[in-house]
Structures are given as C-alpha cells and as structure tokens.
Amino acid sequence: MAEGNAPAQGKPPLKGGALALLTAGVALATFMEVLDISIVNVSVRTIAGNLGVSSNEGTMAISAYSMASAVMQPLTGWIARRFGEVRTFSVSVMLFVIFSALCGLSQSMTMLIVFRLCQGAVSGPMVPLSQTLLLNNYPVAKRPIALALWAMTVVVAPVFGPILGGWITDNYHWSWIFFINIPVGAFALIITYVLLRDRESKTAKMPIDAVGLGLLAIGVGCLQFMLDNGNDMDWFTSNTIVVLAIVAVVCLTFLVAWELMHKNPVVELRLLGRRNFFIGVLCLSLGMFAFFGGTVVMPMWVQEVLGYTATWAGFVVAPIGLLAIVLSPLVGAFQSKFDLRLLNTIGFAIFAGASFYMSTLSTLAPYGELALPRLCMGAGVALFFVPVNQIILSGLPDDQVASASGLSNFFRTLAGSIATAVSTTLYSHRTTYHHAVLAENVSQGSRATSEYVERFQSFGVQGPTVNAALNRIVDLQAATLAVNDVFWIFGLMFGLAMVAVWFAKPPFASGGTPAH
C-alpha cells in the first residue's frame, strides 16, 4: 500500500519558502473554487436581466455548478488513483480557469449554464485534493497547521462571496465575477506544477465502475437539482420535484448497495465504516447545516424586515471571518495539546450560544447587535472546523486521504445545499404561521389595534391605508418570530453535535499517519 506522495517518491517534505508558496497557491485555488459557489448568488438578477431571461432561469447557473461539483467530489479518490493527485489537481485548476473565462464571455443564458456545468464538474476534485496535497507535502508535525489553513479558506470563502459578487456587479460588469478567477487560477497552477511536478503520487489502472458512476451522477444530480429548485416550485406539490425525489432515492439506495459489494468502487463508501470518519463526517454535516442555514436566513431577514441593502446584508454576516482567520492557524498549531473532542465541544457551544442569542432578535435590533454574535461565531469556526477535519482523517493511510477528503467534502457540500433548501422553506412557512396567529389578534375590538389605528389617524392616515400599515407591522413581526424559530432550531442542532463528537475515539493522529 502506498504511503503517500512524498514518502512514495523518496522526497522529503517541503520547507521554508517552497512550503509557504505551496500553501498560498493551494489555498487560493481552494478559496477560488468555494467562492464560486456563492459569488453568483447575489448577481443572478443582474445576469438574468442582462441576458434577457427571468430570474428563475438565471438560478440554473447556480444549480448547474453545484450539481456538477457535488457529483464529482466523491469521485476524487478514484480519479486521483487513476491519473495521479498532482496531475488531477493541476488539470482541474487549468480547466476551471478556462471555463471561468468562457462563463464571463457568455452571450446567452444557455451558454452560461453549459459553461457553469463544466466549471462545476472540473472543480469537484480541487477542494479535496488541495487538502491532500498540503498534508502529503507538510512535515508530519505541522500537518494540523496545514489542515487549519485549508479549513479557514473553505469556511471564510462562502461568507465573502456574496459581498464580493455584489460589489463587482454594482461597480463593474457581472462577467468580472468569473474573470477574477483567471489570475488566481494561473498563480495556483504555476506554483503547484513547479513545486510538485516530481512529487506525483503512484497511479494504477483502475477499472471503471460504470454502474456506480451512472447511479452517482443521476442520483446526486437529481437530488441537487431538487434542493436548489424545491422552494421555488413549492416542493412536493410540483410533479417535477416528486419525480426528482423518487429518482434520487432509488439511485442513491442502489448506489450504496452496489458500491459496498463492488471490488473497485468509484466511491469508497467503506470509509464510513471507520468510527472516527463516520463521527467526524456526522459532526461536520450537522455543523455545516446549521452554520450555512444561518448564513442564508440572516441576510434574507435583514433585507426584508430591517431594510438593509444586499451589500449591508453581506456586512452583517461578514464579521464571522475575522476571528476565523486569526484563530484557525493558532488552533492548528496548538490543537495537539488538547483533546480534539473538547475543542469541538467548545466550538459547538459558541455556535449554540450565538444561535440562541439570535433567536431573541427584534425588529429594533441595531447593526452591532446583529454583527456581535456573528463575530463570536468566528471563534466557533476555528474550534469546530479545524479539529473535526483532523478527526475525520485520523488513522487513515496517505493513499486513502484523497478518497476520504472527497467523500467528507461531498457531505459538507450536500449539508450546505440541504441547509439552504430547508432553512428558506422553514423561514417561509414559519412566517406564514406567525402571520396567521398574529392576524387573529388584529380586530376592531382589540385595544392594541384601536391604539394603533388612533395613532395612524393622528398623522392623517385614513381608510385602507391604515389596514395596509397594520398588515405591514404584522408581516415584520411574523418574519422576526420566524427567524427566531429557525435560529433556535439551529442552536439545538449544535447542541446535538456537542454530544455526537464524544463518540469519536482517540488517538487522533494527523491525517495520513496511522493511529496506533
């Protein structure tokens, strides 16, 4: 069994400037890929209008990317074993840059969707292999720092994506949200090729598991499309969503059975049989679900209720990146001195506390009251995301790191997609529920209603305008109660993750170093 790139080729780990350059190149490639998941979101309306289509058609540019990326991520291990980790990563980055340029040059929505589909497909292996390449070329003692730096880019990029996308779209042309990938990708490609061209991993001619590949592509593709469009189509009242759900369930069920029996599976699902991998992925999925769900709902609420612009809505969620950037390398450097389960528990406790705090927000909340819990959650990011990745990879030999990273990143991406779908739907439904309950108490005989009507009339507001104003007040309060409910549920999920992480079993040796 191969023990990794560097040992397999007799190459010592990188040091000094070479290691710093590799870290910068790989981190920028990771940041670029993760950023592209969210950077288009705030620009959809502008893009759709510029290309002469509806906003609903414009969302296909988001769905195409996330669908293709989700399909390719779990294939990373098989592709890397077949063609080599360095070669696969380099080709992925190169093709990503090419398709980014083509997205920016698109003259119709059909062209953009096709190129976004291709962009998502080639991006699939980038994030898992960036993690693998860092681990395999860092000294063993410094691998936790490598994981920390990688984790920081993966978590921070989606937060800054909407801000950067909105700023570029407002001040330049939407095509530049794709063109900015060109210099970043070129830098990452050159650095990776120059430093790692003679450090290629061992390859083997793996037979193609065509059945598994087909089941994966159809099942995950249908699931991702369903999640991206379910809310717009009113979920299971739509025949399209029902068909997609049935196909996804059938294909994914057969995929699990097929892959577990196949000698050379295209997705290494047997990794889920490893205790620490399973617990780590479970905690990662729970944490990412609640984290991304809150990141989606908060901007919606502040724009709808508090009247924030898209840019200021981005500034509400952005403070989470400050402490994450500062603390992630520190946690990576010193986490070996602590029980990783304890660090994870503290991280989840910070998340839970911030979520419960946000479940008490009112329509009068100032910016500082909104930004403070997000700032605190940055510490939770460092204490959660960095150690949990170490738990996931603990005890794995180097030749399984790519497969493990691909599979764990697939579940991370899927958790984010499900969180987006569930949180927006839950927010919408709870708003409707609270509106109905509040409206029952708005009647002519009600003392509170009479006071509001009298107050409006004292300002010269009469007739139907008063009713419209009262309805607007009910709308704002209903939406606020709904967002409180959503954050309360997320707080409970973080609490559940605090318990689940203690089922992991020490020791937690660095990824790629078997635990003894």
Protein backbone atom coordinates (compact mmCIF):
# COMPACT_ATOMS: atom_id res chain seq x y z
CA MET A 1 0.00 0.00 0.00
CA ALA A 2 1.41 3.38 -0.98
CA GLU A 3 2.06 5.69 1.93
CA GLY A 4 1.67 8.99 0.15
CA ASN A 5 3.30 11.20 -2.41
CA ALA A 6 6.45 12.31 -0.69
CA PRO A 7 7.37 9.01 1.00
CA ALA A 8 6.47 7.00 -2.09
CA GLN A 9 8.83 9.03 -4.25
CA GLY A 10 11.56 9.34 -1.62
CA LYS A 11 11.03 13.10 -1.36
CA PRO A 12 11.30 14.91 1.96
CA PRO A 13 8.51 17.31 2.97
CA LEU A 14 8.76 20.86 1.64
CA LYS A 15 10.24 23.54 3.87
CA GLY A 16 10.58 27.29 4.15
CA GLY A 17 9.68 29.43 1.16
CA ALA A 18 8.64 26.47 -1.00
CA LEU A 19 6.16 25.32 1.64
CA ALA A 20 4.79 28.87 2.06
CA LEU A 21 4.36 29.22 -1.73
CA LEU A 22 2.61 25.86 -1.99
CA THR A 23 0.28 26.80 0.86
CA ALA A 24 -0.55 30.13 -0.80
CA GLY A 25 -1.15 28.54 -4.21
CA VAL A 26 -3.31 25.69 -2.95
CA ALA A 27 -5.22 27.93 -0.52
CA LEU A 28 -6.02 30.43 -3.28
CA ALA A 29 -7.24 27.63 -5.55
CA THR A 30 -9.49 26.37 -2.74
CA PHE A 31 -10.74 29.89 -1.98
CA MET A 32 -11.48 30.46 -5.66
CA GLU A 33 -13.48 27.25 -6.05
CA VAL A 34 -15.53 27.65 -2.85
CA LEU A 35 -16.09 31.35 -3.58
CA ASP A 36 -17.66 30.50 -6.95
CA ILE A 37 -20.42 28.56 -5.21
CA SER A 38 -21.78 31.71 -3.55
CA ILE A 39 -20.43 34.64 -5.57
CA VAL A 40 -23.03 34.21 -8.33
CA ASN A 41 -25.99 34.14 -5.92
CA VAL A 42 -26.30 37.90 -5.46
CA SER A 43 -25.69 38.59 -9.17
CA VAL A 44 -28.39 36.29 -10.58
CA ARG A 45 -30.95 39.04 -11.15
CA THR A 46 -28.42 41.26 -12.92
CA ILE A 47 -27.13 38.40 -15.08
CA ALA A 48 -30.66 37.26 -15.97
CA GLY A 49 -31.71 40.78 -16.92
CA ASN A 50 -28.57 41.33 -18.98
CA LEU A 51 -29.10 38.08 -20.88
CA GLY A 52 -32.83 38.67 -21.33
CA VAL A 53 -34.26 35.83 -19.20
CA SER A 54 -36.24 35.55 -15.96
CA SER A 55 -34.59 35.31 -12.54
CA ASN A 56 -35.87 31.73 -12.19
CA GLU A 57 -34.00 30.76 -15.36
CA GLY A 58 -30.98 32.61 -14.01
CA THR A 59 -30.86 30.37 -10.93
CA MET A 60 -29.99 27.49 -13.26
CA ALA A 61 -26.48 28.98 -13.40
CA ILE A 62 -26.22 28.26 -9.66
CA SER A 63 -27.85 24.83 -9.86
CA ALA A 64 -25.66 23.68 -12.76
CA TYR A 65 -22.44 24.45 -10.89
CA SER A 66 -23.43 22.94 -7.54
CA MET A 67 -24.94 19.85 -9.19
CA ALA A 68 -21.82 19.04 -11.24
CA SER A 69 -19.48 19.77 -8.33
CA ALA A 70 -21.48 17.55 -5.96
CA VAL A 71 -21.31 14.65 -8.44
CA MET A 72 -17.54 14.94 -8.94
CA GLN A 73 -16.40 15.39 -5.33
CA PRO A 74 -16.90 11.77 -4.21
CA LEU A 75 -15.12 10.62 -7.42
CA THR A 76 -11.91 12.41 -6.38
CA GLY A 77 -10.27 9.35 -4.85
CA TRP A 78 -10.81 7.16 -7.91
CA ILE A 79 -9.65 9.87 -10.36
CA ALA A 80 -6.55 10.63 -8.28
CA ARG A 81 -5.58 6.95 -8.07
CA ARG A 82 -6.03 6.60 -11.83
CA PHE A 83 -4.22 9.75 -13.03
CA GLY A 84 -2.20 10.98 -10.04
CA GLU A 85 -3.06 13.58 -7.42
CA VAL A 86 -0.79 16.38 -8.71
CA ARG A 87 -1.83 15.87 -12.33
CA THR A 88 -5.54 15.73 -11.46
CA PHE A 89 -5.33 18.90 -9.35
CA SER A 90 -3.33 20.80 -11.98
CA VAL A 91 -5.66 19.84 -14.84
CA SER A 92 -8.70 20.71 -12.71
CA VAL A 93 -7.32 24.19 -11.95
CA MET A 94 -6.40 24.77 -15.60
CA LEU A 95 -9.83 23.73 -16.88
CA PHE A 96 -11.51 25.75 -14.12
CA VAL A 97 -9.73 28.89 -15.34
CA ILE A 98 -10.69 28.17 -18.97
CA PHE A 99 -14.37 27.59 -18.17
CA SER A 100 -14.40 30.67 -15.88
CA ALA A 101 -13.26 32.78 -18.85
CA LEU A 102 -15.93 31.19 -21.05
CA CYS A 103 -18.60 31.90 -18.40
CA GLY A 104 -17.59 35.56 -18.43
CA LEU A 105 -17.75 35.66 -22.23
CA SER A 106 -21.18 34.01 -22.42
CA GLN A 107 -23.70 35.84 -24.59
CA SER A 108 -26.76 33.80 -23.64
CA MET A 109 -28.10 32.03 -20.59
CA THR A 110 -27.77 28.67 -22.34
CA MET A 111 -24.06 29.27 -22.89
CA LEU A 112 -23.60 30.36 -19.27
CA ILE A 113 -25.42 27.31 -17.89
CA VAL A 114 -23.36 24.92 -20.06
CA PHE A 115 -20.05 26.51 -19.04
CA ARG A 116 -21.11 26.67 -15.38
CA LEU A 117 -21.91 22.95 -15.58
CA CYS A 118 -18.41 22.30 -16.96
CA GLN A 119 -16.86 24.64 -14.41
CA GLY A 120 -18.58 22.78 -11.57
CA ALA A 121 -17.53 19.37 -12.94
CA VAL A 122 -13.82 20.24 -13.12
CA SER A 123 -13.96 21.98 -9.71
CA GLY A 124 -15.09 18.81 -7.92
CA PRO A 125 -11.60 17.37 -7.22
CA MET A 126 -9.99 20.75 -6.42
CA VAL A 127 -11.00 21.17 -2.78
CA PRO A 128 -10.41 17.54 -1.66
CA LEU A 129 -7.05 17.36 -3.47
CA SER A 130 -5.92 20.73 -2.13
CA GLN A 131 -6.29 19.21 1.33
CA THR A 132 -4.47 16.05 0.26
CA LEU A 133 -1.55 17.86 -1.40
CA LEU A 134 -0.98 20.04 1.64
CA LEU A 135 -0.99 17.06 4.01
CA ASN A 136 1.33 14.98 1.85
CA ASN A 137 3.93 17.75 1.49
CA TYR A 138 3.90 19.17 5.01
CA PRO A 139 6.12 17.74 7.76
CA VAL A 140 4.05 15.37 9.87
CA ALA A 141 4.35 17.60 12.94
CA LYS A 142 2.92 20.57 11.04
CA ARG A 143 0.03 18.79 9.34
CA PRO A 144 -2.53 20.18 11.81
CA ILE A 145 -1.49 23.69 10.73
CA ALA A 146 -1.96 22.68 7.09
CA LEU A 147 -5.46 21.44 7.92
CA ALA A 148 -6.18 24.69 9.78
CA LEU A 149 -5.13 26.90 6.87
CA TRP A 150 -7.16 24.78 4.45
CA ALA A 151 -10.22 24.83 6.73
CA MET A 152 -10.02 28.60 7.10
CA THR A 153 -10.28 29.17 3.35
CA VAL A 154 -13.16 26.71 2.94
CA VAL A 155 -15.25 28.38 5.67
CA VAL A 156 -14.44 32.04 5.01
CA ALA A 157 -14.87 31.99 1.20
CA PRO A 158 -18.68 31.46 1.18
CA VAL A 159 -19.09 34.39 3.59
CA PHE A 160 -17.18 36.84 1.41
CA GLY A 161 -18.60 35.52 -1.86
CA PRO A 162 -21.89 37.47 -1.75
CA ILE A 163 -20.13 40.70 -0.70
CA LEU A 164 -17.53 40.46 -3.44
CA GLY A 165 -20.12 39.39 -6.02
CA GLY A 166 -22.42 42.27 -5.14
CA TRP A 167 -19.62 44.84 -5.19
CA ILE A 168 -18.29 43.68 -8.58
CA THR A 169 -21.77 43.55 -10.10
CA ASP A 170 -22.70 47.01 -8.77
CA ASN A 171 -19.46 48.72 -9.79
CA TYR A 172 -18.28 46.81 -12.88
CA HIS A 173 -19.84 44.13 -15.10
CA TRP A 174 -21.10 40.76 -13.87
CA SER A 175 -18.63 38.96 -16.14
CA TRP A 176 -15.79 40.05 -13.82
CA ILE A 177 -17.03 37.69 -11.10
CA PHE A 178 -15.69 34.99 -13.44
CA PHE A 179 -12.70 36.83 -14.90
CA ILE A 180 -11.11 37.33 -11.46
CA ASN A 181 -10.54 33.56 -11.38
CA ILE A 182 -8.04 33.79 -14.24
CA PRO A 183 -5.05 35.38 -12.43
CA VAL A 184 -5.77 33.48 -9.21
CA GLY A 185 -6.01 30.13 -11.02
CA ALA A 186 -2.93 30.83 -13.14
CA PHE A 187 -0.90 31.55 -9.99
CA ALA A 188 -2.13 28.39 -8.26
CA LEU A 189 -1.43 26.28 -11.37
CA ILE A 190 2.13 27.57 -11.85
CA ILE A 191 3.04 27.17 -8.17
CA THR A 192 1.59 23.66 -7.95
CA TYR A 193 3.26 22.45 -11.14
CA VAL A 194 6.68 23.92 -10.36
CA LEU A 195 6.83 22.62 -6.79
CA LEU A 196 5.08 19.26 -7.16
CA ARG A 197 5.75 18.06 -10.72
CA ASP A 198 8.30 15.49 -9.46
CA ARG A 199 6.18 14.51 -6.44
CA GLU A 200 3.37 12.71 -8.26
CA SER A 201 1.52 10.01 -6.38
CA LYS A 202 1.55 6.42 -7.55
CA THR A 203 -1.08 5.60 -10.15
CA ALA A 204 -2.88 2.40 -11.05
CA LYS A 205 -5.11 1.45 -13.96
CA MET A 206 -8.36 1.22 -12.07
CA PRO A 207 -11.31 -0.42 -13.86
CA ILE A 208 -14.21 1.93 -14.44
CA ASP A 209 -17.23 1.20 -12.26
CA ALA A 210 -19.69 2.34 -14.93
CA VAL A 211 -22.80 1.30 -12.98
CA GLY A 212 -21.68 3.12 -9.84
CA LEU A 213 -20.71 6.19 -11.85
CA GLY A 214 -24.11 6.28 -13.56
CA LEU A 215 -26.04 5.83 -10.30
CA LEU A 216 -23.95 8.55 -8.65
CA ALA A 217 -24.39 11.06 -11.47
CA ILE A 218 -28.14 10.54 -11.78
CA GLY A 219 -28.87 10.25 -8.05
CA VAL A 220 -26.78 13.19 -6.85
CA GLY A 221 -27.71 15.28 -9.88
CA CYS A 222 -31.43 14.83 -9.23
CA LEU A 223 -31.01 15.42 -5.50
CA GLN A 224 -29.01 18.63 -6.01
CA PHE A 225 -31.43 19.99 -8.61
CA MET A 226 -34.35 19.19 -6.32
CA LEU A 227 -32.73 21.02 -3.39
CA ASP A 228 -31.82 24.06 -5.49
CA ASN A 229 -35.30 24.47 -7.01
CA GLY A 230 -37.66 22.89 -4.47
CA ASN A 231 -38.58 26.11 -2.70
CA ASP A 232 -39.36 27.93 -5.96
CA MET A 233 -41.55 25.03 -7.13
CA ASP A 234 -43.36 24.67 -3.77
CA TRP A 235 -41.69 21.32 -3.11
CA PHE A 236 -43.85 18.21 -3.38
CA THR A 237 -46.85 19.98 -4.85
CA SER A 238 -44.73 20.00 -8.03
CA ASN A 239 -44.66 16.83 -10.14
CA THR A 240 -41.09 17.68 -11.19
CA ILE A 241 -39.86 17.71 -7.58
CA VAL A 242 -41.70 14.45 -6.83
CA VAL A 243 -40.10 12.70 -9.82
CA LEU A 244 -36.65 14.05 -8.92
CA ALA A 245 -37.04 12.86 -5.33
CA ILE A 246 -38.08 9.36 -6.37
CA VAL A 247 -35.23 9.03 -8.88
CA ALA A 248 -32.71 10.35 -6.34
CA VAL A 249 -33.83 7.95 -3.59
CA VAL A 250 -33.85 4.93 -5.90
CA CYS A 251 -30.46 5.69 -7.49
CA LEU A 252 -28.71 6.53 -4.22
CA THR A 253 -30.13 3.43 -2.49
CA PHE A 254 -28.84 1.19 -5.28
CA LEU A 255 -25.55 3.13 -5.29
CA VAL A 256 -24.88 2.32 -1.63
CA ALA A 257 -25.62 -1.38 -2.14
CA TRP A 258 -23.59 -1.56 -5.37
CA GLU A 259 -20.53 0.28 -4.05
CA LEU A 260 -20.34 -1.79 -0.88
CA MET A 261 -20.27 -5.00 -2.95
CA HIS A 262 -18.01 -3.79 -5.78
CA LYS A 263 -14.32 -4.74 -5.72
CA ASN A 264 -13.18 -1.38 -7.15
CA PRO A 265 -15.91 1.10 -6.18
CA VAL A 266 -15.97 4.54 -7.75
CA VAL A 267 -16.90 5.95 -4.32
CA GLU A 268 -15.20 4.42 -1.26
CA LEU A 269 -18.28 4.19 0.99
CA ARG A 270 -16.49 1.63 3.18
CA LEU A 271 -14.74 4.57 4.81
CA LEU A 272 -18.00 5.24 6.65
CA GLY A 273 -17.33 2.00 8.50
CA ARG A 274 -14.40 3.69 10.24
CA ARG A 275 -15.66 5.05 13.54
CA ASN A 276 -13.80 8.38 13.56
CA PHE A 277 -14.51 9.06 9.91
CA PHE A 278 -18.24 8.47 10.40
CA ILE A 279 -18.49 10.54 13.60
CA GLY A 280 -16.36 13.30 12.10
CA VAL A 281 -18.48 13.47 8.95
CA LEU A 282 -21.69 13.41 11.04
CA CYS A 283 -20.48 16.36 13.17
CA LEU A 284 -19.20 18.18 10.08
CA SER A 285 -22.58 17.77 8.38
CA LEU A 286 -24.56 18.88 11.44
CA GLY A 287 -22.30 21.87 11.98
CA MET A 288 -22.28 22.92 8.34
CA PHE A 289 -26.06 22.51 8.09
CA ALA A 290 -26.74 24.91 10.96
CA PHE A 291 -23.87 27.25 10.03
CA PHE A 292 -24.86 27.68 6.37
CA GLY A 293 -28.56 27.75 7.22
CA GLY A 294 -27.98 30.77 9.43
CA THR A 295 -25.79 32.41 6.79
CA VAL A 296 -28.65 32.09 4.29
CA VAL A 297 -31.54 33.19 6.54
CA MET A 298 -29.92 36.17 8.26
CA PRO A 299 -29.40 38.25 5.05
CA MET A 300 -32.95 37.44 3.94
CA TRP A 301 -34.39 38.70 7.23
CA VAL A 302 -32.35 41.92 7.49
CA GLN A 303 -33.26 42.87 3.92
CA GLU A 304 -36.94 42.03 4.31
CA VAL A 305 -37.53 43.42 7.81
CA LEU A 306 -34.78 45.95 8.56
CA GLY A 307 -34.50 47.32 5.02
CA TYR A 308 -30.80 46.53 4.56
CA THR A 309 -29.29 46.57 1.08
CA ALA A 310 -27.67 43.41 -0.31
CA THR A 311 -24.22 44.84 0.44
CA TRP A 312 -25.09 45.68 4.06
CA ALA A 313 -26.71 42.26 4.46
CA GLY A 314 -23.32 40.87 3.49
CA PHE A 315 -21.65 43.03 6.13
CA VAL A 316 -23.96 41.53 8.75
CA VAL A 317 -22.63 38.01 8.14
CA ALA A 318 -19.05 39.01 7.24
CA PRO A 319 -17.68 39.52 10.81
CA ILE A 320 -17.58 35.74 11.22
CA GLY A 321 -14.48 35.71 9.03
CA LEU A 322 -12.40 37.96 11.31
CA LEU A 323 -11.82 35.63 14.26
CA ALA A 324 -11.83 32.59 11.94
CA ILE A 325 -8.84 33.98 10.04
CA VAL A 326 -6.95 34.90 13.22
CA LEU A 327 -7.68 31.82 15.31
CA SER A 328 -7.60 28.97 12.75
CA PRO A 329 -3.77 28.87 12.43
CA LEU A 330 -3.43 29.13 16.23
CA VAL A 331 -5.85 26.25 16.78
CA GLY A 332 -3.95 24.23 14.17
CA ALA A 333 -0.63 24.91 15.91
CA PHE A 334 -1.76 24.04 19.43
CA GLN A 335 -4.61 21.56 19.00
CA SER A 336 -2.27 18.59 19.54
CA LYS A 337 -2.02 19.65 23.20
CA PHE A 338 -5.77 19.20 23.73
CA ASP A 339 -8.44 16.56 23.27
CA LEU A 340 -9.94 17.39 19.88
CA ARG A 341 -13.38 16.43 21.14
CA LEU A 342 -13.10 19.12 23.83
CA LEU A 343 -12.11 21.76 21.26
CA ASN A 344 -15.03 20.70 19.05
CA THR A 345 -17.40 20.88 22.01
CA ILE A 346 -16.27 24.43 22.84
CA GLY A 347 -16.70 25.40 19.19
CA PHE A 348 -20.20 23.95 19.02
CA ALA A 349 -21.06 25.61 22.36
CA ILE A 350 -20.06 29.01 20.91
CA PHE A 351 -22.21 28.31 17.84
CA ALA A 352 -25.14 27.23 20.02
CA GLY A 353 -24.83 30.29 22.29
CA ALA A 354 -24.73 32.66 19.30
CA SER A 355 -27.71 30.90 17.70
CA PHE A 356 -29.81 31.11 20.86
CA TYR A 357 -28.83 34.78 21.17
CA MET A 358 -30.00 35.42 17.59
CA SER A 359 -33.28 33.65 18.41
CA THR A 360 -34.13 36.69 20.58
CA LEU A 361 -33.59 39.40 17.93
CA SER A 362 -36.29 42.03 17.42
CA THR A 363 -37.27 44.43 14.65
CA LEU A 364 -35.41 47.18 16.54
CA ALA A 365 -32.04 45.38 16.56
CA PRO A 366 -29.15 47.72 15.60
CA TYR A 367 -26.26 46.59 13.39
CA GLY A 368 -23.98 45.93 16.35
CA GLU A 369 -26.49 43.54 17.88
CA LEU A 370 -26.60 41.60 14.61
CA ALA A 371 -22.84 41.57 13.98
CA LEU A 372 -21.69 40.66 17.52
CA PRO A 373 -22.93 37.03 17.53
CA ARG A 374 -21.53 36.55 14.02
CA LEU A 375 -18.17 37.85 15.23
CA CYS A 376 -18.21 35.38 18.14
CA MET A 377 -19.10 32.54 15.77
CA GLY A 378 -15.73 33.11 14.08
CA ALA A 379 -14.08 31.58 17.15
CA GLY A 380 -16.51 28.68 16.87
CA VAL A 381 -15.46 28.16 13.24
CA ALA A 382 -11.80 27.74 14.22
CA LEU A 383 -12.59 25.44 17.15
CA PHE A 384 -15.05 23.35 15.14
CA PHE A 385 -13.86 23.09 11.55
CA VAL A 386 -10.14 22.65 12.19
CA PRO A 387 -10.31 19.81 14.78
CA VAL A 388 -13.21 17.98 13.09
CA ASN A 389 -11.18 17.56 9.90
CA GLN A 390 -8.35 16.08 11.96
CA ILE A 391 -10.82 13.61 13.49
CA ILE A 392 -12.13 12.68 10.03
CA LEU A 393 -8.64 11.88 8.69
CA SER A 394 -7.22 10.36 11.86
CA GLY A 395 -5.70 6.94 11.40
CA LEU A 396 -6.00 6.93 7.60
CA PRO A 397 -3.02 5.89 5.45
CA ASP A 398 -1.94 8.52 2.92
CA ASP A 399 -3.32 6.65 -0.08
CA GLN A 400 -6.85 6.91 1.35
CA VAL A 401 -6.70 10.61 2.23
CA ALA A 402 -7.89 11.73 -1.24
CA SER A 403 -10.90 9.40 -1.10
CA ALA A 404 -11.71 10.41 2.47
CA SER A 405 -11.35 14.10 1.71
CA GLY A 406 -13.52 13.80 -1.41
CA LEU A 407 -16.26 11.94 0.46
CA SER A 408 -16.23 14.26 3.50
CA ASN A 409 -16.31 17.34 1.27
CA PHE A 410 -19.23 15.83 -0.63
CA PHE A 411 -21.19 15.51 2.62
CA ARG A 412 -20.14 19.07 3.58
CA THR A 413 -21.40 20.42 0.25
CA LEU A 414 -24.59 18.36 0.46
CA ALA A 415 -25.23 19.59 4.02
CA GLY A 416 -24.91 23.17 2.78
CA SER A 417 -27.34 22.54 -0.08
CA ILE A 418 -29.89 20.85 2.18
CA ALA A 419 -29.47 23.65 4.74
CA THR A 420 -30.21 26.29 2.11
CA ALA A 421 -33.35 24.49 0.99
CA VAL A 422 -34.61 23.63 4.47
CA SER A 423 -33.83 26.98 6.12
CA THR A 424 -35.51 29.08 3.41
CA THR A 425 -38.56 26.81 3.40
CA LEU A 426 -38.76 26.75 7.20
CA TYR A 427 -38.39 30.53 7.36
CA SER A 428 -41.17 30.97 4.79
CA HIS A 429 -43.56 28.53 6.45
CA ARG A 430 -42.98 29.84 9.98
CA THR A 431 -43.54 33.39 8.70
CA THR A 432 -46.91 32.31 7.27
CA TYR A 433 -47.82 30.54 10.53
CA HIS A 434 -46.92 33.50 12.76
CA HIS A 435 -48.72 35.91 10.42
CA ALA A 436 -51.91 33.86 10.75
CA VAL A 437 -51.62 33.74 14.56
CA LEU A 438 -50.89 37.46 14.89
CA ALA A 439 -53.64 38.41 12.42
CA GLU A 440 -56.21 36.67 14.64
CA ASN A 441 -55.50 39.27 17.31
CA VAL A 442 -55.83 42.24 14.97
CA SER A 443 -59.53 43.09 15.19
CA GLN A 444 -61.59 46.21 15.56
CA GLY A 445 -62.47 45.39 19.15
CA SER A 446 -58.87 44.87 20.18
CA ARG A 447 -57.42 47.55 22.45
CA ALA A 448 -53.96 47.34 20.86
CA THR A 449 -55.46 47.58 17.38
CA SER A 450 -57.53 50.61 18.37
CA GLU A 451 -54.45 52.34 19.77
CA TYR A 452 -52.52 51.77 16.52
CA VAL A 453 -55.47 52.98 14.41
CA GLU A 454 -55.79 56.13 16.52
CA ARG A 455 -52.06 56.76 16.24
CA PHE A 456 -52.18 56.45 12.44
CA GLN A 457 -55.23 58.70 12.24
CA SER A 458 -53.45 61.37 14.30
CA PHE A 459 -50.89 61.51 11.48
CA GLY A 460 -53.61 61.90 8.86
CA VAL A 461 -53.60 58.25 7.71
CA GLN A 462 -57.15 57.09 6.95
CA GLY A 463 -59.15 54.20 5.47
CA PRO A 464 -57.47 51.30 3.61
CA THR A 465 -54.04 52.81 4.17
CA VAL A 466 -54.41 52.10 7.90
CA ASN A 467 -55.18 48.44 7.21
CA ALA A 468 -52.16 48.20 4.89
CA ALA A 469 -49.94 49.73 7.58
CA LEU A 470 -51.25 47.32 10.20
CA ASN A 471 -50.66 44.39 7.85
CA ARG A 472 -47.09 45.57 7.28
CA ILE A 473 -46.45 45.61 11.03
CA VAL A 474 -47.82 42.06 11.28
CA ASP A 475 -45.59 41.00 8.35
CA LEU A 476 -42.45 42.35 10.05
CA GLN A 477 -43.25 40.75 13.40
CA ALA A 478 -44.16 37.42 11.78
CA ALA A 479 -40.88 37.32 9.85
CA THR A 480 -38.94 38.17 13.02
CA LEU A 481 -40.64 35.42 15.03
CA ALA A 482 -39.90 33.02 12.15
CA VAL A 483 -36.18 33.84 12.07
CA ASN A 484 -36.12 33.43 15.87
CA ASP A 485 -37.59 29.92 15.46
CA VAL A 486 -35.01 29.00 12.82
CA PHE A 487 -32.05 30.06 14.96
CA TRP A 488 -33.50 28.27 17.98
CA ILE A 489 -33.61 25.03 15.97
CA PHE A 490 -30.03 25.60 14.78
CA GLY A 491 -28.98 26.06 18.41
CA LEU A 492 -30.44 22.63 19.22
CA MET A 493 -28.56 21.10 16.27
CA PHE A 494 -25.27 22.49 17.55
CA GLY A 495 -26.13 21.01 20.95
CA LEU A 496 -26.68 17.61 19.31
CA ALA A 497 -23.27 17.86 17.62
CA MET A 498 -21.68 18.60 21.03
CA VAL A 499 -22.86 15.19 22.19
CA ALA A 500 -22.11 13.29 18.96
CA VAL A 501 -18.42 14.29 18.81
CA TRP A 502 -17.69 12.39 22.05
CA PHE A 503 -18.39 9.11 20.25
CA ALA A 504 -15.11 9.60 18.35
CA LYS A 505 -12.23 7.56 19.71
CA PRO A 506 -8.68 8.86 20.38
CA PRO A 507 -5.85 8.93 19.46
CA PHE A 508 -6.33 11.46 16.67
CA ALA A 509 -3.10 11.16 14.73
CA SER A 510 -2.65 13.54 11.80
CA GLY A 511 -4.32 12.66 8.54
CA GLY A 512 -2.12 10.31 6.69
CA THR A 513 -0.45 8.99 9.83
CA PRO A 514 -1.98 5.76 11.08
CA ALA A 515 -3.10 5.90 14.68
CA HIS A 516 -1.63 3.33 16.99
